[in-house]
Amino acid sequence: MMKTEKSEQIRIKYLYRSLIMKGRIRVPYKAAAKMVGPDCAYHLYGTFKADSDSAKTD
């Protein structure tokens, strides 16, 4: 089975999307929103906002 360049790019994109949504990779919010798409970016906003609020109180 031969992998094409496009299929490899798609596989890697969804791997990163999964890692971002699970919280295993920390990237800036704007970059994360572009990678996961607008439907999932809404869920990211709450986690990024909570993290920045807790950092201010430490």
C-alpha atoms as a PDB file:
ATOM      1  CA  MET A   1       0.000   0.000   0.000  1.00  0.00           C
ATOM      2  CA  MET A   2       1.489   3.333  -1.069  1.00  0.00           C
ATOM      3  CA  LYS A   3       0.862   6.425   0.977  1.00  0.00           C
ATOM      4  CA  THR A   4       0.485   9.612  -0.958  1.00  0.00           C
ATOM      5  CA  GLU A   5       1.798  12.917   0.277  1.00  0.00           C
ATOM      6  CA  LYS A   6      -1.722  14.311   0.667  1.00  0.00           C
ATOM      7  CA  SER A   7      -2.921  11.341   2.725  1.00  0.00           C
ATOM      8  CA  GLU A   8       0.090  11.691   5.038  1.00  0.00           C
ATOM      9  CA  GLN A   9      -0.668  15.402   5.536  1.00  0.00           C
ATOM     10  CA  ILE A  10      -4.279  14.592   6.420  1.00  0.00           C
ATOM     11  CA  ARG A  11      -3.199  11.872   8.874  1.00  0.00           C
ATOM     12  CA  ILE A  12      -0.789  14.237  10.639  1.00  0.00           C
ATOM     13  CA  LYS A  13      -3.374  17.042  10.742  1.00  0.00           C
ATOM     14  CA  TYR A  14      -5.896  14.821  12.516  1.00  0.00           C
ATOM     15  CA  LEU A  15      -3.222  13.480  14.862  1.00  0.00           C
ATOM     16  CA  TYR A  16      -2.406  17.036  15.994  1.00  0.00           C
ATOM     17  CA  ARG A  17      -6.102  17.908  16.182  1.00  0.00           C
ATOM     18  CA  SER A  18      -6.671  14.965  18.495  1.00  0.00           C
ATOM     19  CA  LEU A  19      -3.695  15.848  20.703  1.00  0.00           C
ATOM     20  CA  ILE A  20      -4.813  19.483  20.985  1.00  0.00           C
ATOM     21  CA  MET A  21      -8.380  18.539  21.908  1.00  0.00           C
ATOM     22  CA  LYS A  22      -7.137  16.080  24.559  1.00  0.00           C
ATOM     23  CA  GLY A  23      -4.875  18.761  26.040  1.00  0.00           C
ATOM     24  CA  ARG A  24      -1.643  16.870  25.410  1.00  0.00           C
ATOM     25  CA  ILE A  25      -0.154  19.655  23.262  1.00  0.00           C
ATOM     26  CA  ARG A  26      -0.019  23.288  24.367  1.00  0.00           C
ATOM     27  CA  VAL A  27      -0.189  25.795  21.511  1.00  0.00           C
ATOM     28  CA  PRO A  28      -1.445  29.396  21.391  1.00  0.00           C
ATOM     29  CA  TYR A  29      -5.233  29.662  21.169  1.00  0.00           C
ATOM     30  CA  LYS A  30      -5.304  31.236  17.695  1.00  0.00           C
ATOM     31  CA  ALA A  31      -3.083  28.507  16.239  1.00  0.00           C
ATOM     32  CA  ALA A  32      -5.133  25.794  17.958  1.00  0.00           C
ATOM     33  CA  ALA A  33      -8.395  27.261  16.660  1.00  0.00           C
ATOM     34  CA  LYS A  34      -7.065  27.181  13.098  1.00  0.00           C
ATOM     35  CA  MET A  35      -5.940  23.578  13.455  1.00  0.00           C
ATOM     36  CA  VAL A  36      -9.116  22.160  15.021  1.00  0.00           C
ATOM     37  CA  GLY A  37     -11.660  24.248  13.131  1.00  0.00           C
ATOM     38  CA  PRO A  38     -14.445  26.559  14.286  1.00  0.00           C
ATOM     39  CA  ASP A  39     -16.692  23.805  15.642  1.00  0.00           C
ATOM     40  CA  CYS A  40     -14.118  22.619  18.190  1.00  0.00           C
ATOM     41  CA  ALA A  41     -12.522  26.017  18.861  1.00  0.00           C
ATOM     42  CA  TYR A  42     -15.486  26.903  21.070  1.00  0.00           C
ATOM     43  CA  HIS A  43     -14.542  24.084  23.445  1.00  0.00           C
ATOM     44  CA  LEU A  44     -10.902  25.157  23.451  1.00  0.00           C
ATOM     45  CA  TYR A  45     -11.736  28.698  24.550  1.00  0.00           C
ATOM     46  CA  GLY A  46     -12.942  27.577  27.967  1.00  0.00           C
ATOM     47  CA  THR A  47      -9.819  25.568  28.669  1.00  0.00           C
ATOM     48  CA  PHE A  48      -7.463  28.338  27.551  1.00  0.00           C
ATOM     49  CA  LYS A  49      -9.361  30.974  29.518  1.00  0.00           C
ATOM     50  CA  ALA A  50      -9.321  28.820  32.667  1.00  0.00           C
ATOM     51  CA  ASP A  51      -5.575  28.266  32.340  1.00  0.00           C
ATOM     52  CA  SER A  52      -4.796  31.960  31.966  1.00  0.00           C
ATOM     53  CA  ASP A  53      -7.023  32.866  34.949  1.00  0.00           C
ATOM     54  CA  SER A  54      -5.288  30.347  37.210  1.00  0.00           C
ATOM     55  CA  ALA A  55      -1.852  31.624  36.142  1.00  0.00           C
ATOM     56  CA  LYS A  56      -2.783  35.142  37.267  1.00  0.00           C
ATOM     57  CA  THR A  57      -3.733  34.004  40.773  1.00  0.00           C
ATOM     58  CA  ASP A  58      -0.496  32.055  41.424  1.00  0.00           C
END
